[in-house]
Amino acid sequence: MKKLLLMMAFIVISTSVFCQGTETVNYAQVGTWSKTKDDWIWTDIQEVSLVITFNKSVVSINNELGSRFETIEVINKQKNYTTWKALDEEYITCHLTMKFEDGYSVLIIVYDDLCFRYFY
């Protein structure tokens, strides 16, 4: 029951607008798209220490690139995740997904052939 309530609270927050706050990222993973397998090929999960800042429609990550994403519109809203069309700091279109998986909140950033997963 606790897990269900936590998931529902996460969905409510993520489907409206991002609340203002920060989260510490514990693990990260990078995927590249394989046309032959028609699926993502993932690196091993790396232990990291990053901070994600949520400020209304902007998500910032204190990584080497100073990644920043501004959500434009919700493109898919399900009971366990929400996906937005977004622009990164270089105005490149990507998709940003927030979901709850295996006890973690996960921020997923997807470009055409590259994907980043941040577990917090």
Protein backbone atom coordinates (compact mmCIF):
# COMPACT_ATOMS: atom_id res chain seq x y z
CA MET A 1 0.00 0.00 0.00
CA LYS A 2 2.86 2.37 0.86
CA LYS A 3 4.49 1.74 -2.51
CA LEU A 4 1.21 2.41 -4.31
CA LEU A 5 0.73 5.70 -2.46
CA LEU A 6 4.32 6.71 -3.20
CA MET A 7 3.86 5.90 -6.89
CA MET A 8 0.59 7.85 -7.03
CA ALA A 9 2.23 10.87 -5.38
CA PHE A 10 5.13 10.68 -7.84
CA ILE A 11 2.74 10.57 -10.81
CA VAL A 12 0.68 13.49 -9.56
CA ILE A 13 3.79 15.60 -9.14
CA SER A 14 5.35 14.60 -12.45
CA THR A 15 2.21 14.98 -14.53
CA SER A 16 1.41 18.50 -13.48
CA VAL A 17 4.53 20.62 -13.57
CA PHE A 18 7.83 19.80 -11.96
CA CYS A 19 7.89 20.84 -8.38
CA GLN A 20 10.80 22.94 -7.30
CA GLY A 21 13.43 20.87 -5.57
CA THR A 22 16.52 18.74 -5.93
CA GLU A 23 17.25 15.03 -5.93
CA THR A 24 20.56 13.21 -5.59
CA VAL A 25 21.30 10.73 -8.37
CA ASN A 26 22.82 7.48 -7.14
CA TYR A 27 23.25 5.58 -10.40
CA ALA A 28 23.37 6.35 -14.12
CA GLN A 29 23.39 4.35 -17.32
CA VAL A 30 23.88 5.14 -21.01
CA GLY A 31 22.21 3.32 -23.89
CA THR A 32 22.83 3.40 -27.62
CA TRP A 33 20.23 2.33 -30.15
CA SER A 34 21.03 -0.82 -32.13
CA LYS A 35 19.32 -0.93 -35.52
CA THR A 36 20.18 -4.62 -35.90
CA LYS A 37 18.68 -5.59 -32.55
CA ASP A 38 15.99 -2.89 -32.72
CA ASP A 39 16.62 -2.23 -29.03
CA TRP A 40 18.83 -0.29 -26.64
CA ILE A 41 22.28 -1.61 -25.73
CA TRP A 42 23.01 -0.48 -22.17
CA THR A 43 26.32 0.13 -20.44
CA ASP A 44 26.80 -1.22 -16.95
CA ILE A 45 25.10 0.88 -14.30
CA GLN A 46 27.60 3.35 -12.86
CA GLU A 47 27.57 4.71 -9.33
CA VAL A 48 27.50 8.51 -9.55
CA SER A 49 26.92 11.53 -7.37
CA LEU A 50 24.91 14.09 -9.36
CA VAL A 51 22.13 16.47 -8.46
CA ILE A 52 18.96 16.91 -10.50
CA THR A 53 17.14 20.19 -9.98
CA PHE A 54 13.47 20.46 -10.88
CA ASN A 55 12.16 23.98 -11.33
CA LYS A 56 8.71 24.13 -12.92
CA SER A 57 9.24 23.02 -16.55
CA VAL A 58 13.06 22.98 -16.36
CA VAL A 59 15.22 20.02 -15.31
CA SER A 60 18.93 20.63 -14.72
CA ILE A 61 21.65 18.08 -14.03
CA ASN A 62 25.01 19.11 -12.55
CA ASN A 63 26.99 16.81 -14.88
CA GLU A 64 30.08 17.78 -16.90
CA LEU A 65 27.91 19.32 -19.62
CA GLY A 66 25.64 21.23 -17.28
CA SER A 67 22.65 19.55 -18.91
CA ARG A 68 19.41 21.50 -18.92
CA PHE A 69 16.07 20.42 -20.34
CA GLU A 70 12.92 22.44 -20.81
CA THR A 71 9.73 20.46 -21.24
CA ILE A 72 7.45 21.58 -24.06
CA GLU A 73 4.44 19.29 -23.92
CA VAL A 74 3.26 16.00 -22.47
CA ILE A 75 3.26 13.38 -25.23
CA ASN A 76 2.45 10.25 -23.26
CA LYS A 77 0.86 9.92 -19.85
CA GLN A 78 0.35 6.48 -18.33
CA LYS A 79 -0.31 5.38 -14.78
CA ASN A 80 3.37 4.65 -14.02
CA TYR A 81 5.22 7.17 -16.19
CA THR A 82 4.96 10.45 -18.07
CA THR A 83 6.90 11.50 -21.17
CA TRP A 84 7.45 15.04 -22.37
CA LYS A 85 8.85 16.47 -25.56
CA ALA A 86 11.76 18.67 -24.43
CA LEU A 87 14.63 20.84 -25.61
CA ASP A 88 18.12 20.53 -24.17
CA GLU A 89 20.58 23.34 -23.49
CA GLU A 90 21.60 23.37 -27.17
CA TYR A 91 17.93 23.43 -28.30
CA ILE A 92 18.09 19.85 -29.55
CA THR A 93 14.77 18.01 -29.33
CA CYS A 94 14.64 15.01 -27.01
CA HIS A 95 12.13 13.14 -24.88
CA LEU A 96 12.17 13.21 -21.12
CA THR A 97 10.44 10.46 -19.13
CA MET A 98 9.89 10.21 -15.41
CA LYS A 99 8.87 6.90 -13.90
CA PHE A 100 9.12 4.76 -10.79
CA GLU A 101 11.00 1.47 -11.27
CA ASP A 102 12.48 -1.12 -8.89
CA GLY A 103 12.30 1.19 -5.89
CA TYR A 104 13.87 4.17 -7.68
CA SER A 105 12.55 7.24 -9.38
CA VAL A 106 14.09 7.28 -12.85
CA LEU A 107 14.69 10.22 -15.17
CA ILE A 108 15.19 9.04 -18.75
CA ILE A 109 16.45 11.33 -21.52
CA VAL A 110 16.11 9.97 -25.03
CA TYR A 111 17.64 11.32 -28.23
CA ASP A 112 17.40 9.55 -31.61
CA ASP A 113 20.14 6.99 -30.91
CA LEU A 114 21.32 7.84 -27.40
CA CYS A 115 19.61 7.45 -24.03
CA PHE A 116 20.54 8.39 -20.45
CA ARG A 117 18.94 6.93 -17.32
CA TYR A 118 19.37 8.57 -13.94
CA PHE A 119 18.24 6.63 -10.85
CA TYR A 120 17.46 8.63 -7.71
